[in-house]
């Protein structure tokens, strides 16, 4: 989607995608990545998710990237954190507090090194089909050799062209072709037509 779309959603507090609790699939399946506390975690399009707090309890460095300044500031104010703030040469603003670092700006132009761990709950599903290939290509470059991605997707009978987007299993399998892909869980709602899936995607070791 255009950046203006997301700025407007946050400005108008139209953030139905935000959860007030840690995502249960993160809690159930993070251990499947065999994560080490000294491995950095990247969370693209993180919003003000409290999943960041949960990850920061387990890792020495958690990096979130978020377009909306409103979301970044809300995360720190709602958690009563006072971050140190600086502007990177790329123009992105970095907000740092203990294990947490939130980068405010365009995810595609943020200067990031390949990461051992990536958690995507709300990024791929936010990408319209026209941007999906660009996002997946970028994520693949950010996944270090031997790196692991925990990906949560949604499926439902979509009738419009607004996020979150329904992602079929075939889309995930095609997007990450060549990597080790495992479907860890499928949760289907009682209507049988909608639900969530969680995937473990591993890059080959160098």
Protein backbone atom coordinates (compact mmCIF):
# COMPACT_ATOMS: atom_id res chain seq x y z
CA UNK A 1 0.00 0.00 0.00
CA UNK A 2 1.05 3.61 -0.38
CA UNK A 3 2.76 5.05 2.68
CA UNK A 4 -0.01 7.65 3.00
CA UNK A 5 -2.50 4.83 3.58
CA UNK A 6 -0.66 3.63 6.70
CA UNK A 7 0.00 7.14 7.98
CA UNK A 8 -3.73 7.82 7.74
CA UNK A 9 -4.64 4.57 9.49
CA UNK A 10 -2.43 5.45 12.45
CA UNK A 11 -3.50 9.10 12.50
CA UNK A 12 -7.15 8.05 12.65
CA UNK A 13 -6.41 5.21 15.10
CA UNK A 14 -7.82 2.67 12.64
CA UNK A 15 -5.57 -0.08 13.92
CA UNK A 16 -7.76 -3.15 14.19
CA UNK A 17 -4.66 -5.18 13.32
CA UNK A 18 -3.09 -4.27 16.68
CA UNK A 19 -3.30 -6.91 19.43
CA UNK A 20 -3.44 -6.08 23.14
CA UNK A 21 -1.85 -9.41 24.04
CA UNK A 22 1.19 -11.32 22.83
CA UNK A 23 0.31 -13.44 19.81
CA UNK A 24 -0.26 -17.01 21.06
CA UNK A 25 1.41 -18.49 17.97
CA UNK A 26 4.58 -16.58 18.82
CA UNK A 27 4.53 -18.02 22.33
CA UNK A 28 3.86 -21.55 21.10
CA UNK A 29 6.33 -21.66 18.24
CA UNK A 30 9.25 -19.31 18.88
CA UNK A 31 11.23 -22.18 20.37
CA UNK A 32 10.98 -23.97 17.00
CA UNK A 33 13.62 -21.54 15.73
CA UNK A 34 16.09 -22.78 18.38
CA UNK A 35 16.76 -19.12 19.20
CA UNK A 36 19.78 -18.05 21.23
CA UNK A 37 19.61 -15.04 23.54
CA UNK A 38 22.53 -13.34 21.80
CA UNK A 39 20.89 -13.59 18.36
CA UNK A 40 19.33 -10.36 17.11
CA UNK A 41 15.65 -10.44 16.16
CA UNK A 42 14.21 -8.32 13.34
CA UNK A 43 10.50 -7.45 13.36
CA UNK A 44 9.45 -5.71 10.12
CA UNK A 45 6.42 -3.40 10.13
CA UNK A 46 6.21 -3.84 13.90
CA UNK A 47 3.65 -1.16 14.75
CA UNK A 48 3.44 -0.84 18.53
CA UNK A 49 3.17 -4.58 19.06
CA UNK A 50 3.75 -5.90 22.56
CA UNK A 51 5.28 -8.94 20.88
CA UNK A 52 8.39 -6.75 20.92
CA UNK A 53 8.40 -6.78 24.73
CA UNK A 54 8.03 -10.55 24.82
CA UNK A 55 10.95 -11.00 22.44
CA UNK A 56 13.07 -8.48 24.36
CA UNK A 57 12.68 -10.60 27.49
CA UNK A 58 14.44 -13.42 25.63
CA UNK A 59 16.97 -11.62 23.42
CA UNK A 60 19.70 -9.06 23.91
CA UNK A 61 18.73 -7.05 20.82
CA UNK A 62 15.33 -6.74 19.14
CA UNK A 63 15.00 -4.42 16.14
CA UNK A 64 11.60 -3.29 14.94
CA UNK A 65 11.06 -1.24 11.79
CA UNK A 66 7.92 0.88 11.52
CA UNK A 67 6.83 3.53 9.03
CA UNK A 68 4.54 5.45 11.39
CA UNK A 69 6.10 7.83 13.91
CA UNK A 70 2.78 7.76 15.78
CA UNK A 71 3.13 4.00 16.28
CA UNK A 72 6.75 4.21 17.43
CA UNK A 73 6.08 6.99 19.91
CA UNK A 74 2.96 5.20 21.17
CA UNK A 75 4.95 2.03 21.82
CA UNK A 76 7.40 3.81 24.10
CA UNK A 77 4.86 6.02 25.85
CA UNK A 78 2.41 3.17 26.52
CA UNK A 79 5.21 1.06 27.99
CA UNK A 80 6.57 4.02 30.00
CA UNK A 81 9.95 3.72 28.28
CA UNK A 82 12.15 6.76 27.66
CA UNK A 83 14.25 5.96 24.60
CA UNK A 84 17.43 7.53 23.33
CA UNK A 85 16.76 8.92 19.86
CA UNK A 86 19.13 9.61 16.99
CA UNK A 87 18.93 10.12 13.24
CA UNK A 88 20.86 7.66 11.08
CA UNK A 89 22.63 8.75 7.85
CA UNK A 90 19.75 7.14 5.95
CA UNK A 91 17.39 9.66 7.54
CA UNK A 92 15.64 7.02 9.65
CA UNK A 93 15.05 7.83 13.31
CA UNK A 94 16.28 5.23 15.79
CA UNK A 95 14.60 4.88 19.20
CA UNK A 96 16.63 2.76 21.63
CA UNK A 97 15.74 1.47 25.08
CA UNK A 98 17.61 -1.43 26.70
CA UNK A 99 17.24 -4.43 24.36
CA UNK A 100 14.82 -2.64 22.05
CA UNK A 101 15.60 -0.58 18.97
CA UNK A 102 12.77 0.77 16.84
CA UNK A 103 13.63 2.29 13.48
CA UNK A 104 11.12 4.81 12.19
CA UNK A 105 10.93 5.02 8.41
CA UNK A 106 10.66 3.04 5.20
CA UNK A 107 11.51 -0.62 5.76
CA UNK A 108 12.92 -1.00 2.26
CA UNK A 109 15.50 1.77 2.69
CA UNK A 110 16.52 1.15 6.31
CA UNK A 111 20.16 0.11 6.56
CA UNK A 112 19.99 -3.37 8.05
CA UNK A 113 22.46 -6.23 8.15
CA UNK A 114 21.38 -9.83 7.59
CA UNK A 115 19.70 -11.18 10.72
CA UNK A 116 19.73 -14.62 12.34
CA UNK A 117 16.08 -14.32 13.42
CA UNK A 118 13.08 -12.60 11.83
CA UNK A 119 9.52 -12.49 13.15
CA UNK A 120 6.79 -11.48 10.70
CA UNK A 121 3.25 -11.34 12.04
CA UNK A 122 1.90 -8.32 10.20
CA UNK A 123 4.24 -7.47 7.33
CA UNK A 124 3.65 -9.98 4.53
CA UNK A 125 -0.11 -9.82 5.06
CA UNK A 126 0.08 -6.02 4.77
CA UNK A 127 1.66 -6.17 1.31
CA UNK A 128 -0.67 -6.00 -1.70
CA UNK A 129 0.10 -8.59 -4.37
CA UNK A 130 1.93 -5.98 -6.47
CA UNK A 131 4.44 -5.38 -3.63
CA UNK A 132 4.68 -8.92 -2.31
CA UNK A 133 7.60 -9.99 -4.49
CA UNK A 134 9.61 -6.90 -3.50
CA UNK A 135 8.99 -7.58 0.18
CA UNK A 136 9.88 -11.27 -0.04
CA UNK A 137 13.05 -10.49 -1.99
CA UNK A 138 14.09 -8.00 0.68
CA UNK A 139 13.34 -10.41 3.52
CA UNK A 140 15.39 -13.10 1.82
CA UNK A 141 18.39 -10.77 1.64
CA UNK A 142 17.96 -9.94 5.33
CA UNK A 143 17.91 -13.59 6.41
CA UNK A 144 21.48 -14.49 7.34
CA UNK A 145 22.96 -17.87 6.38
CA UNK A 146 21.38 -20.33 8.78
CA UNK A 147 18.80 -17.69 9.69
CA UNK A 148 15.23 -18.53 10.68
CA UNK A 149 11.98 -16.72 9.98
CA UNK A 150 8.77 -17.24 11.94
CA UNK A 151 5.96 -16.13 9.62
CA UNK A 152 2.27 -15.83 10.52
CA UNK A 153 -0.25 -15.55 7.68
CA UNK A 154 -4.02 -15.20 7.41
CA UNK A 155 -6.49 -16.93 5.13
CA UNK A 156 -10.09 -15.94 4.51
CA UNK A 157 -12.46 -15.37 1.57
CA UNK A 158 -11.22 -11.88 0.68
CA UNK A 159 -13.59 -9.72 -1.35
CA UNK A 160 -11.77 -6.37 -1.32
CA UNK A 161 -8.25 -5.12 -1.97
CA UNK A 162 -7.34 -3.79 1.47
CA UNK A 163 -5.05 -5.30 4.09
CA UNK A 164 -4.65 -7.61 5.81
CA UNK A 165 -4.41 -9.78 2.72
CA UNK A 166 -5.32 -13.44 2.61
CA UNK A 167 -2.23 -15.56 1.88
CA UNK A 168 -2.66 -19.07 0.50
CA UNK A 169 -0.14 -21.75 1.43
CA UNK A 170 0.90 -21.90 -2.22
CA UNK A 171 1.93 -18.22 -2.06
CA UNK A 172 4.27 -18.90 0.87
CA UNK A 173 5.72 -22.00 -0.77
CA UNK A 174 6.40 -20.16 -4.03
CA UNK A 175 7.74 -17.01 -2.36
CA UNK A 176 10.29 -18.88 -0.27
CA UNK A 177 11.14 -21.57 -2.78
CA UNK A 178 14.66 -22.86 -2.24
CA UNK A 179 14.52 -22.36 1.52
CA UNK A 180 13.50 -24.95 4.10
CA UNK A 181 9.76 -24.35 4.67
CA UNK A 182 7.72 -26.00 7.43
CA UNK A 183 4.07 -25.39 8.27
CA UNK A 184 3.96 -25.50 12.07
CA UNK A 185 0.27 -24.89 12.74
CA UNK A 186 -3.03 -24.10 11.06
CA UNK A 187 -5.74 -22.57 13.22
CA UNK A 188 -9.16 -22.49 11.55
CA UNK A 189 -12.08 -20.51 12.92
CA UNK A 190 -15.42 -22.30 13.52
CA UNK A 191 -16.78 -21.05 10.18
CA UNK A 192 -14.14 -23.19 8.47
CA UNK A 193 -13.26 -20.42 6.02
CA UNK A 194 -10.80 -18.26 7.89
CA UNK A 195 -7.85 -18.67 10.17
CA UNK A 196 -4.12 -18.32 10.64
CA UNK A 197 -1.07 -20.34 9.73
CA UNK A 198 2.41 -20.20 11.21
CA UNK A 199 5.48 -21.12 9.20
CA UNK A 200 9.12 -21.79 9.99
CA UNK A 201 11.42 -20.81 7.13
CA UNK A 202 15.14 -21.55 7.32
CA UNK A 203 18.00 -20.35 5.16
CA UNK A 204 20.81 -22.75 4.37
CA UNK A 205 23.95 -22.37 6.44
CA UNK A 206 26.91 -20.94 4.56
